[in-house]
Amino acid sequence: MSLSFGYGSVLADTVTLNNFSSTTVVYESDKVQQGKTVILRDLGVIFTTTGGTVHFAIRTISGGLVRISSSVTANDENLAYAVLNEGESIALVITVDGNGVVTILGHGEIKEAVKPSFFETPKGTNLFRRGGF
């Protein structure tokens, strides 16, 4: 099960929390493509049935998890705003094990990654002038 990023699209998918223990990643989106940045807004969850506690995290390019929301046990919106860089993904992690069905909601957009260079300066600028700064 994997959530794909689309331009300006609504992101939604459903996960069943049965038979998972705490700290288990129960859902992970597609990784952001090379040269792209994804801006996710208004991440939220809807518990179709009760049970379990979850939170959102970013799966980094090195495989680690960076928590970006508080734990929730009931329907909640606007849990997190995230900027994902190439190779990163959004994950839903169980905080307290339980049973239930959760729908993941949010929207976002894909942008071209901007990688400014330290050496890019306006034309005619001399970074190494004499006489100090």
C-alpha atoms as a PDB file:
ATOM      1  CA  MET A   1       0.000   0.000   0.000  1.00  0.00           C
ATOM      2  CA  SER A   2       1.580   3.257  -1.044  1.00  0.00           C
ATOM      3  CA  LEU A   3       0.447   6.843  -1.392  1.00  0.00           C
ATOM      4  CA  SER A   4       1.578   8.571  -4.556  1.00  0.00           C
ATOM      5  CA  PHE A   5       2.212  12.296  -4.682  1.00  0.00           C
ATOM      6  CA  GLY A   6       0.298  14.218  -7.330  1.00  0.00           C
ATOM      7  CA  TYR A   7       0.222  17.882  -8.246  1.00  0.00           C
ATOM      8  CA  GLY A   8      -2.314  19.613  -6.015  1.00  0.00           C
ATOM      9  CA  SER A   9      -4.117  16.368  -5.326  1.00  0.00           C
ATOM     10  CA  VAL A  10      -5.821  15.184  -2.177  1.00  0.00           C
ATOM     11  CA  LEU A  11      -3.834  12.424  -0.483  1.00  0.00           C
ATOM     12  CA  ALA A  12      -5.906   9.620   1.039  1.00  0.00           C
ATOM     13  CA  ASP A  13      -5.480   5.966   1.927  1.00  0.00           C
ATOM     14  CA  THR A  14      -6.782   3.523   4.539  1.00  0.00           C
ATOM     15  CA  VAL A  15      -4.788   1.348   6.960  1.00  0.00           C
ATOM     16  CA  THR A  16      -5.975  -1.446   9.272  1.00  0.00           C
ATOM     17  CA  LEU A  17      -4.117  -1.407  12.611  1.00  0.00           C
ATOM     18  CA  ASN A  18      -4.730  -5.057  13.565  1.00  0.00           C
ATOM     19  CA  ASN A  19      -1.773  -7.216  14.663  1.00  0.00           C
ATOM     20  CA  PHE A  20       0.817  -4.450  14.869  1.00  0.00           C
ATOM     21  CA  SER A  21       2.811  -3.469  17.939  1.00  0.00           C
ATOM     22  CA  SER A  22       3.837   0.015  19.029  1.00  0.00           C
ATOM     23  CA  THR A  23       6.558   1.810  17.028  1.00  0.00           C
ATOM     24  CA  THR A  24       5.603  -0.167  13.895  1.00  0.00           C
ATOM     25  CA  VAL A  25       5.399   1.805  10.648  1.00  0.00           C
ATOM     26  CA  VAL A  26       1.993   0.754   9.326  1.00  0.00           C
ATOM     27  CA  TYR A  27       1.964   3.019   6.300  1.00  0.00           C
ATOM     28  CA  GLU A  28       4.578   4.718   4.164  1.00  0.00           C
ATOM     29  CA  SER A  29       4.161   6.907   1.095  1.00  0.00           C
ATOM     30  CA  ASP A  30       6.227   6.729  -2.061  1.00  0.00           C
ATOM     31  CA  LYS A  31       9.665   8.299  -1.784  1.00  0.00           C
ATOM     32  CA  VAL A  32      10.074  11.758  -3.248  1.00  0.00           C
ATOM     33  CA  GLN A  33      11.715  11.580  -6.662  1.00  0.00           C
ATOM     34  CA  GLN A  34      15.155  12.965  -7.370  1.00  0.00           C
ATOM     35  CA  GLY A  35      15.148  16.699  -8.053  1.00  0.00           C
ATOM     36  CA  LYS A  36      11.736  17.207  -6.422  1.00  0.00           C
ATOM     37  CA  THR A  37      10.409  18.588  -3.139  1.00  0.00           C
ATOM     38  CA  VAL A  38       6.956  17.727  -1.754  1.00  0.00           C
ATOM     39  CA  ILE A  39       5.069  20.147   0.457  1.00  0.00           C
ATOM     40  CA  LEU A  40       2.383  18.384   2.518  1.00  0.00           C
ATOM     41  CA  ARG A  41      -0.286  20.406   4.286  1.00  0.00           C
ATOM     42  CA  ASP A  42      -3.071  19.541   6.699  1.00  0.00           C
ATOM     43  CA  LEU A  43      -2.140  15.930   7.393  1.00  0.00           C
ATOM     44  CA  GLY A  44      -4.885  14.214   9.349  1.00  0.00           C
ATOM     45  CA  VAL A  45      -6.446  10.905  10.313  1.00  0.00           C
ATOM     46  CA  ILE A  46      -9.995   9.598  10.563  1.00  0.00           C
ATOM     47  CA  PHE A  47     -10.590   6.558  12.761  1.00  0.00           C
ATOM     48  CA  THR A  48     -13.296   4.529  11.022  1.00  0.00           C
ATOM     49  CA  THR A  49     -13.331   2.182  14.019  1.00  0.00           C
ATOM     50  CA  THR A  50     -11.912   2.848  17.460  1.00  0.00           C
ATOM     51  CA  GLY A  51      -8.635   1.512  18.775  1.00  0.00           C
ATOM     52  CA  GLY A  52      -4.950   2.315  18.624  1.00  0.00           C
ATOM     53  CA  THR A  53      -2.881   5.491  18.728  1.00  0.00           C
ATOM     54  CA  VAL A  54      -0.831   6.806  15.799  1.00  0.00           C
ATOM     55  CA  HIS A  55       1.476   9.667  14.813  1.00  0.00           C
ATOM     56  CA  PHE A  56       3.097  10.943  11.608  1.00  0.00           C
ATOM     57  CA  ALA A  57       6.833  10.838  10.922  1.00  0.00           C
ATOM     58  CA  ILE A  58       9.193  11.571   8.056  1.00  0.00           C
ATOM     59  CA  ARG A  59      11.253   8.598   6.862  1.00  0.00           C
ATOM     60  CA  THR A  60      14.614  10.175   6.074  1.00  0.00           C
ATOM     61  CA  ILE A  61      16.826   9.193   3.175  1.00  0.00           C
ATOM     62  CA  SER A  62      19.051   7.308   5.661  1.00  0.00           C
ATOM     63  CA  GLY A  63      16.053   5.280   6.914  1.00  0.00           C
ATOM     64  CA  GLY A  64      15.496   7.017  10.254  1.00  0.00           C
ATOM     65  CA  LEU A  65      12.156   8.382  11.484  1.00  0.00           C
ATOM     66  CA  VAL A  66      11.615  12.014  12.528  1.00  0.00           C
ATOM     67  CA  ARG A  67       8.342  12.489  14.400  1.00  0.00           C
ATOM     68  CA  ILE A  68       6.297  15.449  13.125  1.00  0.00           C
ATOM     69  CA  SER A  69       2.975  15.150  14.970  1.00  0.00           C
ATOM     70  CA  SER A  70       1.519  14.387  18.359  1.00  0.00           C
ATOM     71  CA  SER A  71      -0.135  11.040  19.075  1.00  0.00           C
ATOM     72  CA  VAL A  72      -3.824  10.819  18.208  1.00  0.00           C
ATOM     73  CA  THR A  73      -6.532   8.355  19.163  1.00  0.00           C
ATOM     74  CA  ALA A  74      -9.504  10.013  17.473  1.00  0.00           C
ATOM     75  CA  ASN A  75     -10.288  11.947  14.304  1.00  0.00           C
ATOM     76  CA  ASP A  76      -7.942  14.895  13.963  1.00  0.00           C
ATOM     77  CA  GLU A  77      -6.945  17.313  11.215  1.00  0.00           C
ATOM     78  CA  ASN A  78      -4.084  19.748  10.711  1.00  0.00           C
ATOM     79  CA  LEU A  79      -1.707  17.440  12.576  1.00  0.00           C
ATOM     80  CA  ALA A  80       1.389  18.315  10.615  1.00  0.00           C
ATOM     81  CA  TYR A  81       2.910  20.365   7.843  1.00  0.00           C
ATOM     82  CA  ALA A  82       5.924  18.776   6.221  1.00  0.00           C
ATOM     83  CA  VAL A  83       8.451  19.502   3.509  1.00  0.00           C
ATOM     84  CA  LEU A  84       9.890  16.299   2.081  1.00  0.00           C
ATOM     85  CA  ASN A  85      13.096  16.309   0.068  1.00  0.00           C
ATOM     86  CA  GLU A  86      14.207  13.731  -2.474  1.00  0.00           C
ATOM     87  CA  GLY A  87      14.367  10.212  -1.070  1.00  0.00           C
ATOM     88  CA  GLU A  88      12.141  11.009   1.925  1.00  0.00           C
ATOM     89  CA  SER A  89       8.600   9.752   2.594  1.00  0.00           C
ATOM     90  CA  ILE A  90       5.771  10.259   5.076  1.00  0.00           C
ATOM     91  CA  ALA A  91       5.028   7.441   7.516  1.00  0.00           C
ATOM     92  CA  LEU A  92       2.202   6.592   9.898  1.00  0.00           C
ATOM     93  CA  VAL A  93       3.538   4.970  13.070  1.00  0.00           C
ATOM     94  CA  ILE A  94       1.619   3.156  15.818  1.00  0.00           C
ATOM     95  CA  THR A  95       2.312   4.774  19.196  1.00  0.00           C
ATOM     96  CA  VAL A  96       0.103   2.444  21.283  1.00  0.00           C
ATOM     97  CA  ASP A  97      -0.972  -0.877  19.791  1.00  0.00           C
ATOM     98  CA  GLY A  98      -4.625  -1.590  19.211  1.00  0.00           C
ATOM     99  CA  ASN A  99      -7.178  -2.462  16.587  1.00  0.00           C
ATOM    100  CA  GLY A 100      -8.917  -0.135  14.219  1.00  0.00           C
ATOM    101  CA  VAL A 101      -9.114   1.273  10.737  1.00  0.00           C
ATOM    102  CA  VAL A 102      -7.519   4.643  10.014  1.00  0.00           C
ATOM    103  CA  THR A 103      -7.897   6.819   6.926  1.00  0.00           C
ATOM    104  CA  ILE A 104      -4.952   9.118   6.211  1.00  0.00           C
ATOM    105  CA  LEU A 105      -5.816  12.493   4.718  1.00  0.00           C
ATOM    106  CA  GLY A 106      -3.912  15.489   3.489  1.00  0.00           C
ATOM    107  CA  HIS A 107      -2.987  17.429   0.429  1.00  0.00           C
ATOM    108  CA  GLY A 108       0.238  18.595  -1.079  1.00  0.00           C
ATOM    109  CA  GLU A 109       2.148  19.628  -4.125  1.00  0.00           C
ATOM    110  CA  ILE A 110       5.330  18.678  -5.910  1.00  0.00           C
ATOM    111  CA  LYS A 111       7.893  21.348  -6.723  1.00  0.00           C
ATOM    112  CA  GLU A 112      11.265  21.345  -8.392  1.00  0.00           C
ATOM    113  CA  ALA A 113      13.978  21.172  -5.743  1.00  0.00           C
ATOM    114  CA  VAL A 114      15.992  24.357  -5.358  1.00  0.00           C
ATOM    115  CA  LYS A 115      19.629  23.790  -4.512  1.00  0.00           C
ATOM    116  CA  PRO A 116      21.347  27.147  -4.155  1.00  0.00           C
ATOM    117  CA  SER A 117      25.072  27.170  -4.519  1.00  0.00           C
ATOM    118  CA  PHE A 118      27.335  28.936  -2.049  1.00  0.00           C
ATOM    119  CA  PHE A 119      29.265  30.360  -4.980  1.00  0.00           C
ATOM    120  CA  GLU A 120      26.268  31.838  -6.815  1.00  0.00           C
ATOM    121  CA  THR A 121      26.513  35.601  -6.406  1.00  0.00           C
ATOM    122  CA  PRO A 122      25.082  38.530  -8.355  1.00  0.00           C
ATOM    123  CA  LYS A 123      27.166  39.501 -11.359  1.00  0.00           C
ATOM    124  CA  GLY A 124      29.895  41.975 -10.449  1.00  0.00           C
ATOM    125  CA  THR A 125      30.011  41.001  -6.758  1.00  0.00           C
ATOM    126  CA  ASN A 126      33.507  40.417  -5.439  1.00  0.00           C
ATOM    127  CA  LEU A 127      33.484  38.125  -2.400  1.00  0.00           C
ATOM    128  CA  PHE A 128      37.247  38.421  -1.923  1.00  0.00           C
ATOM    129  CA  ARG A 129      37.812  42.165  -1.904  1.00  0.00           C
ATOM    130  CA  ARG A 130      40.917  43.630  -0.316  1.00  0.00           C
ATOM    131  CA  GLY A 131      40.873  45.627   2.858  1.00  0.00           C
ATOM    132  CA  GLY A 132      38.587  43.411   4.926  1.00  0.00           C
ATOM    133  CA  PHE A 133      34.857  43.536   5.316  1.00  0.00           C
END
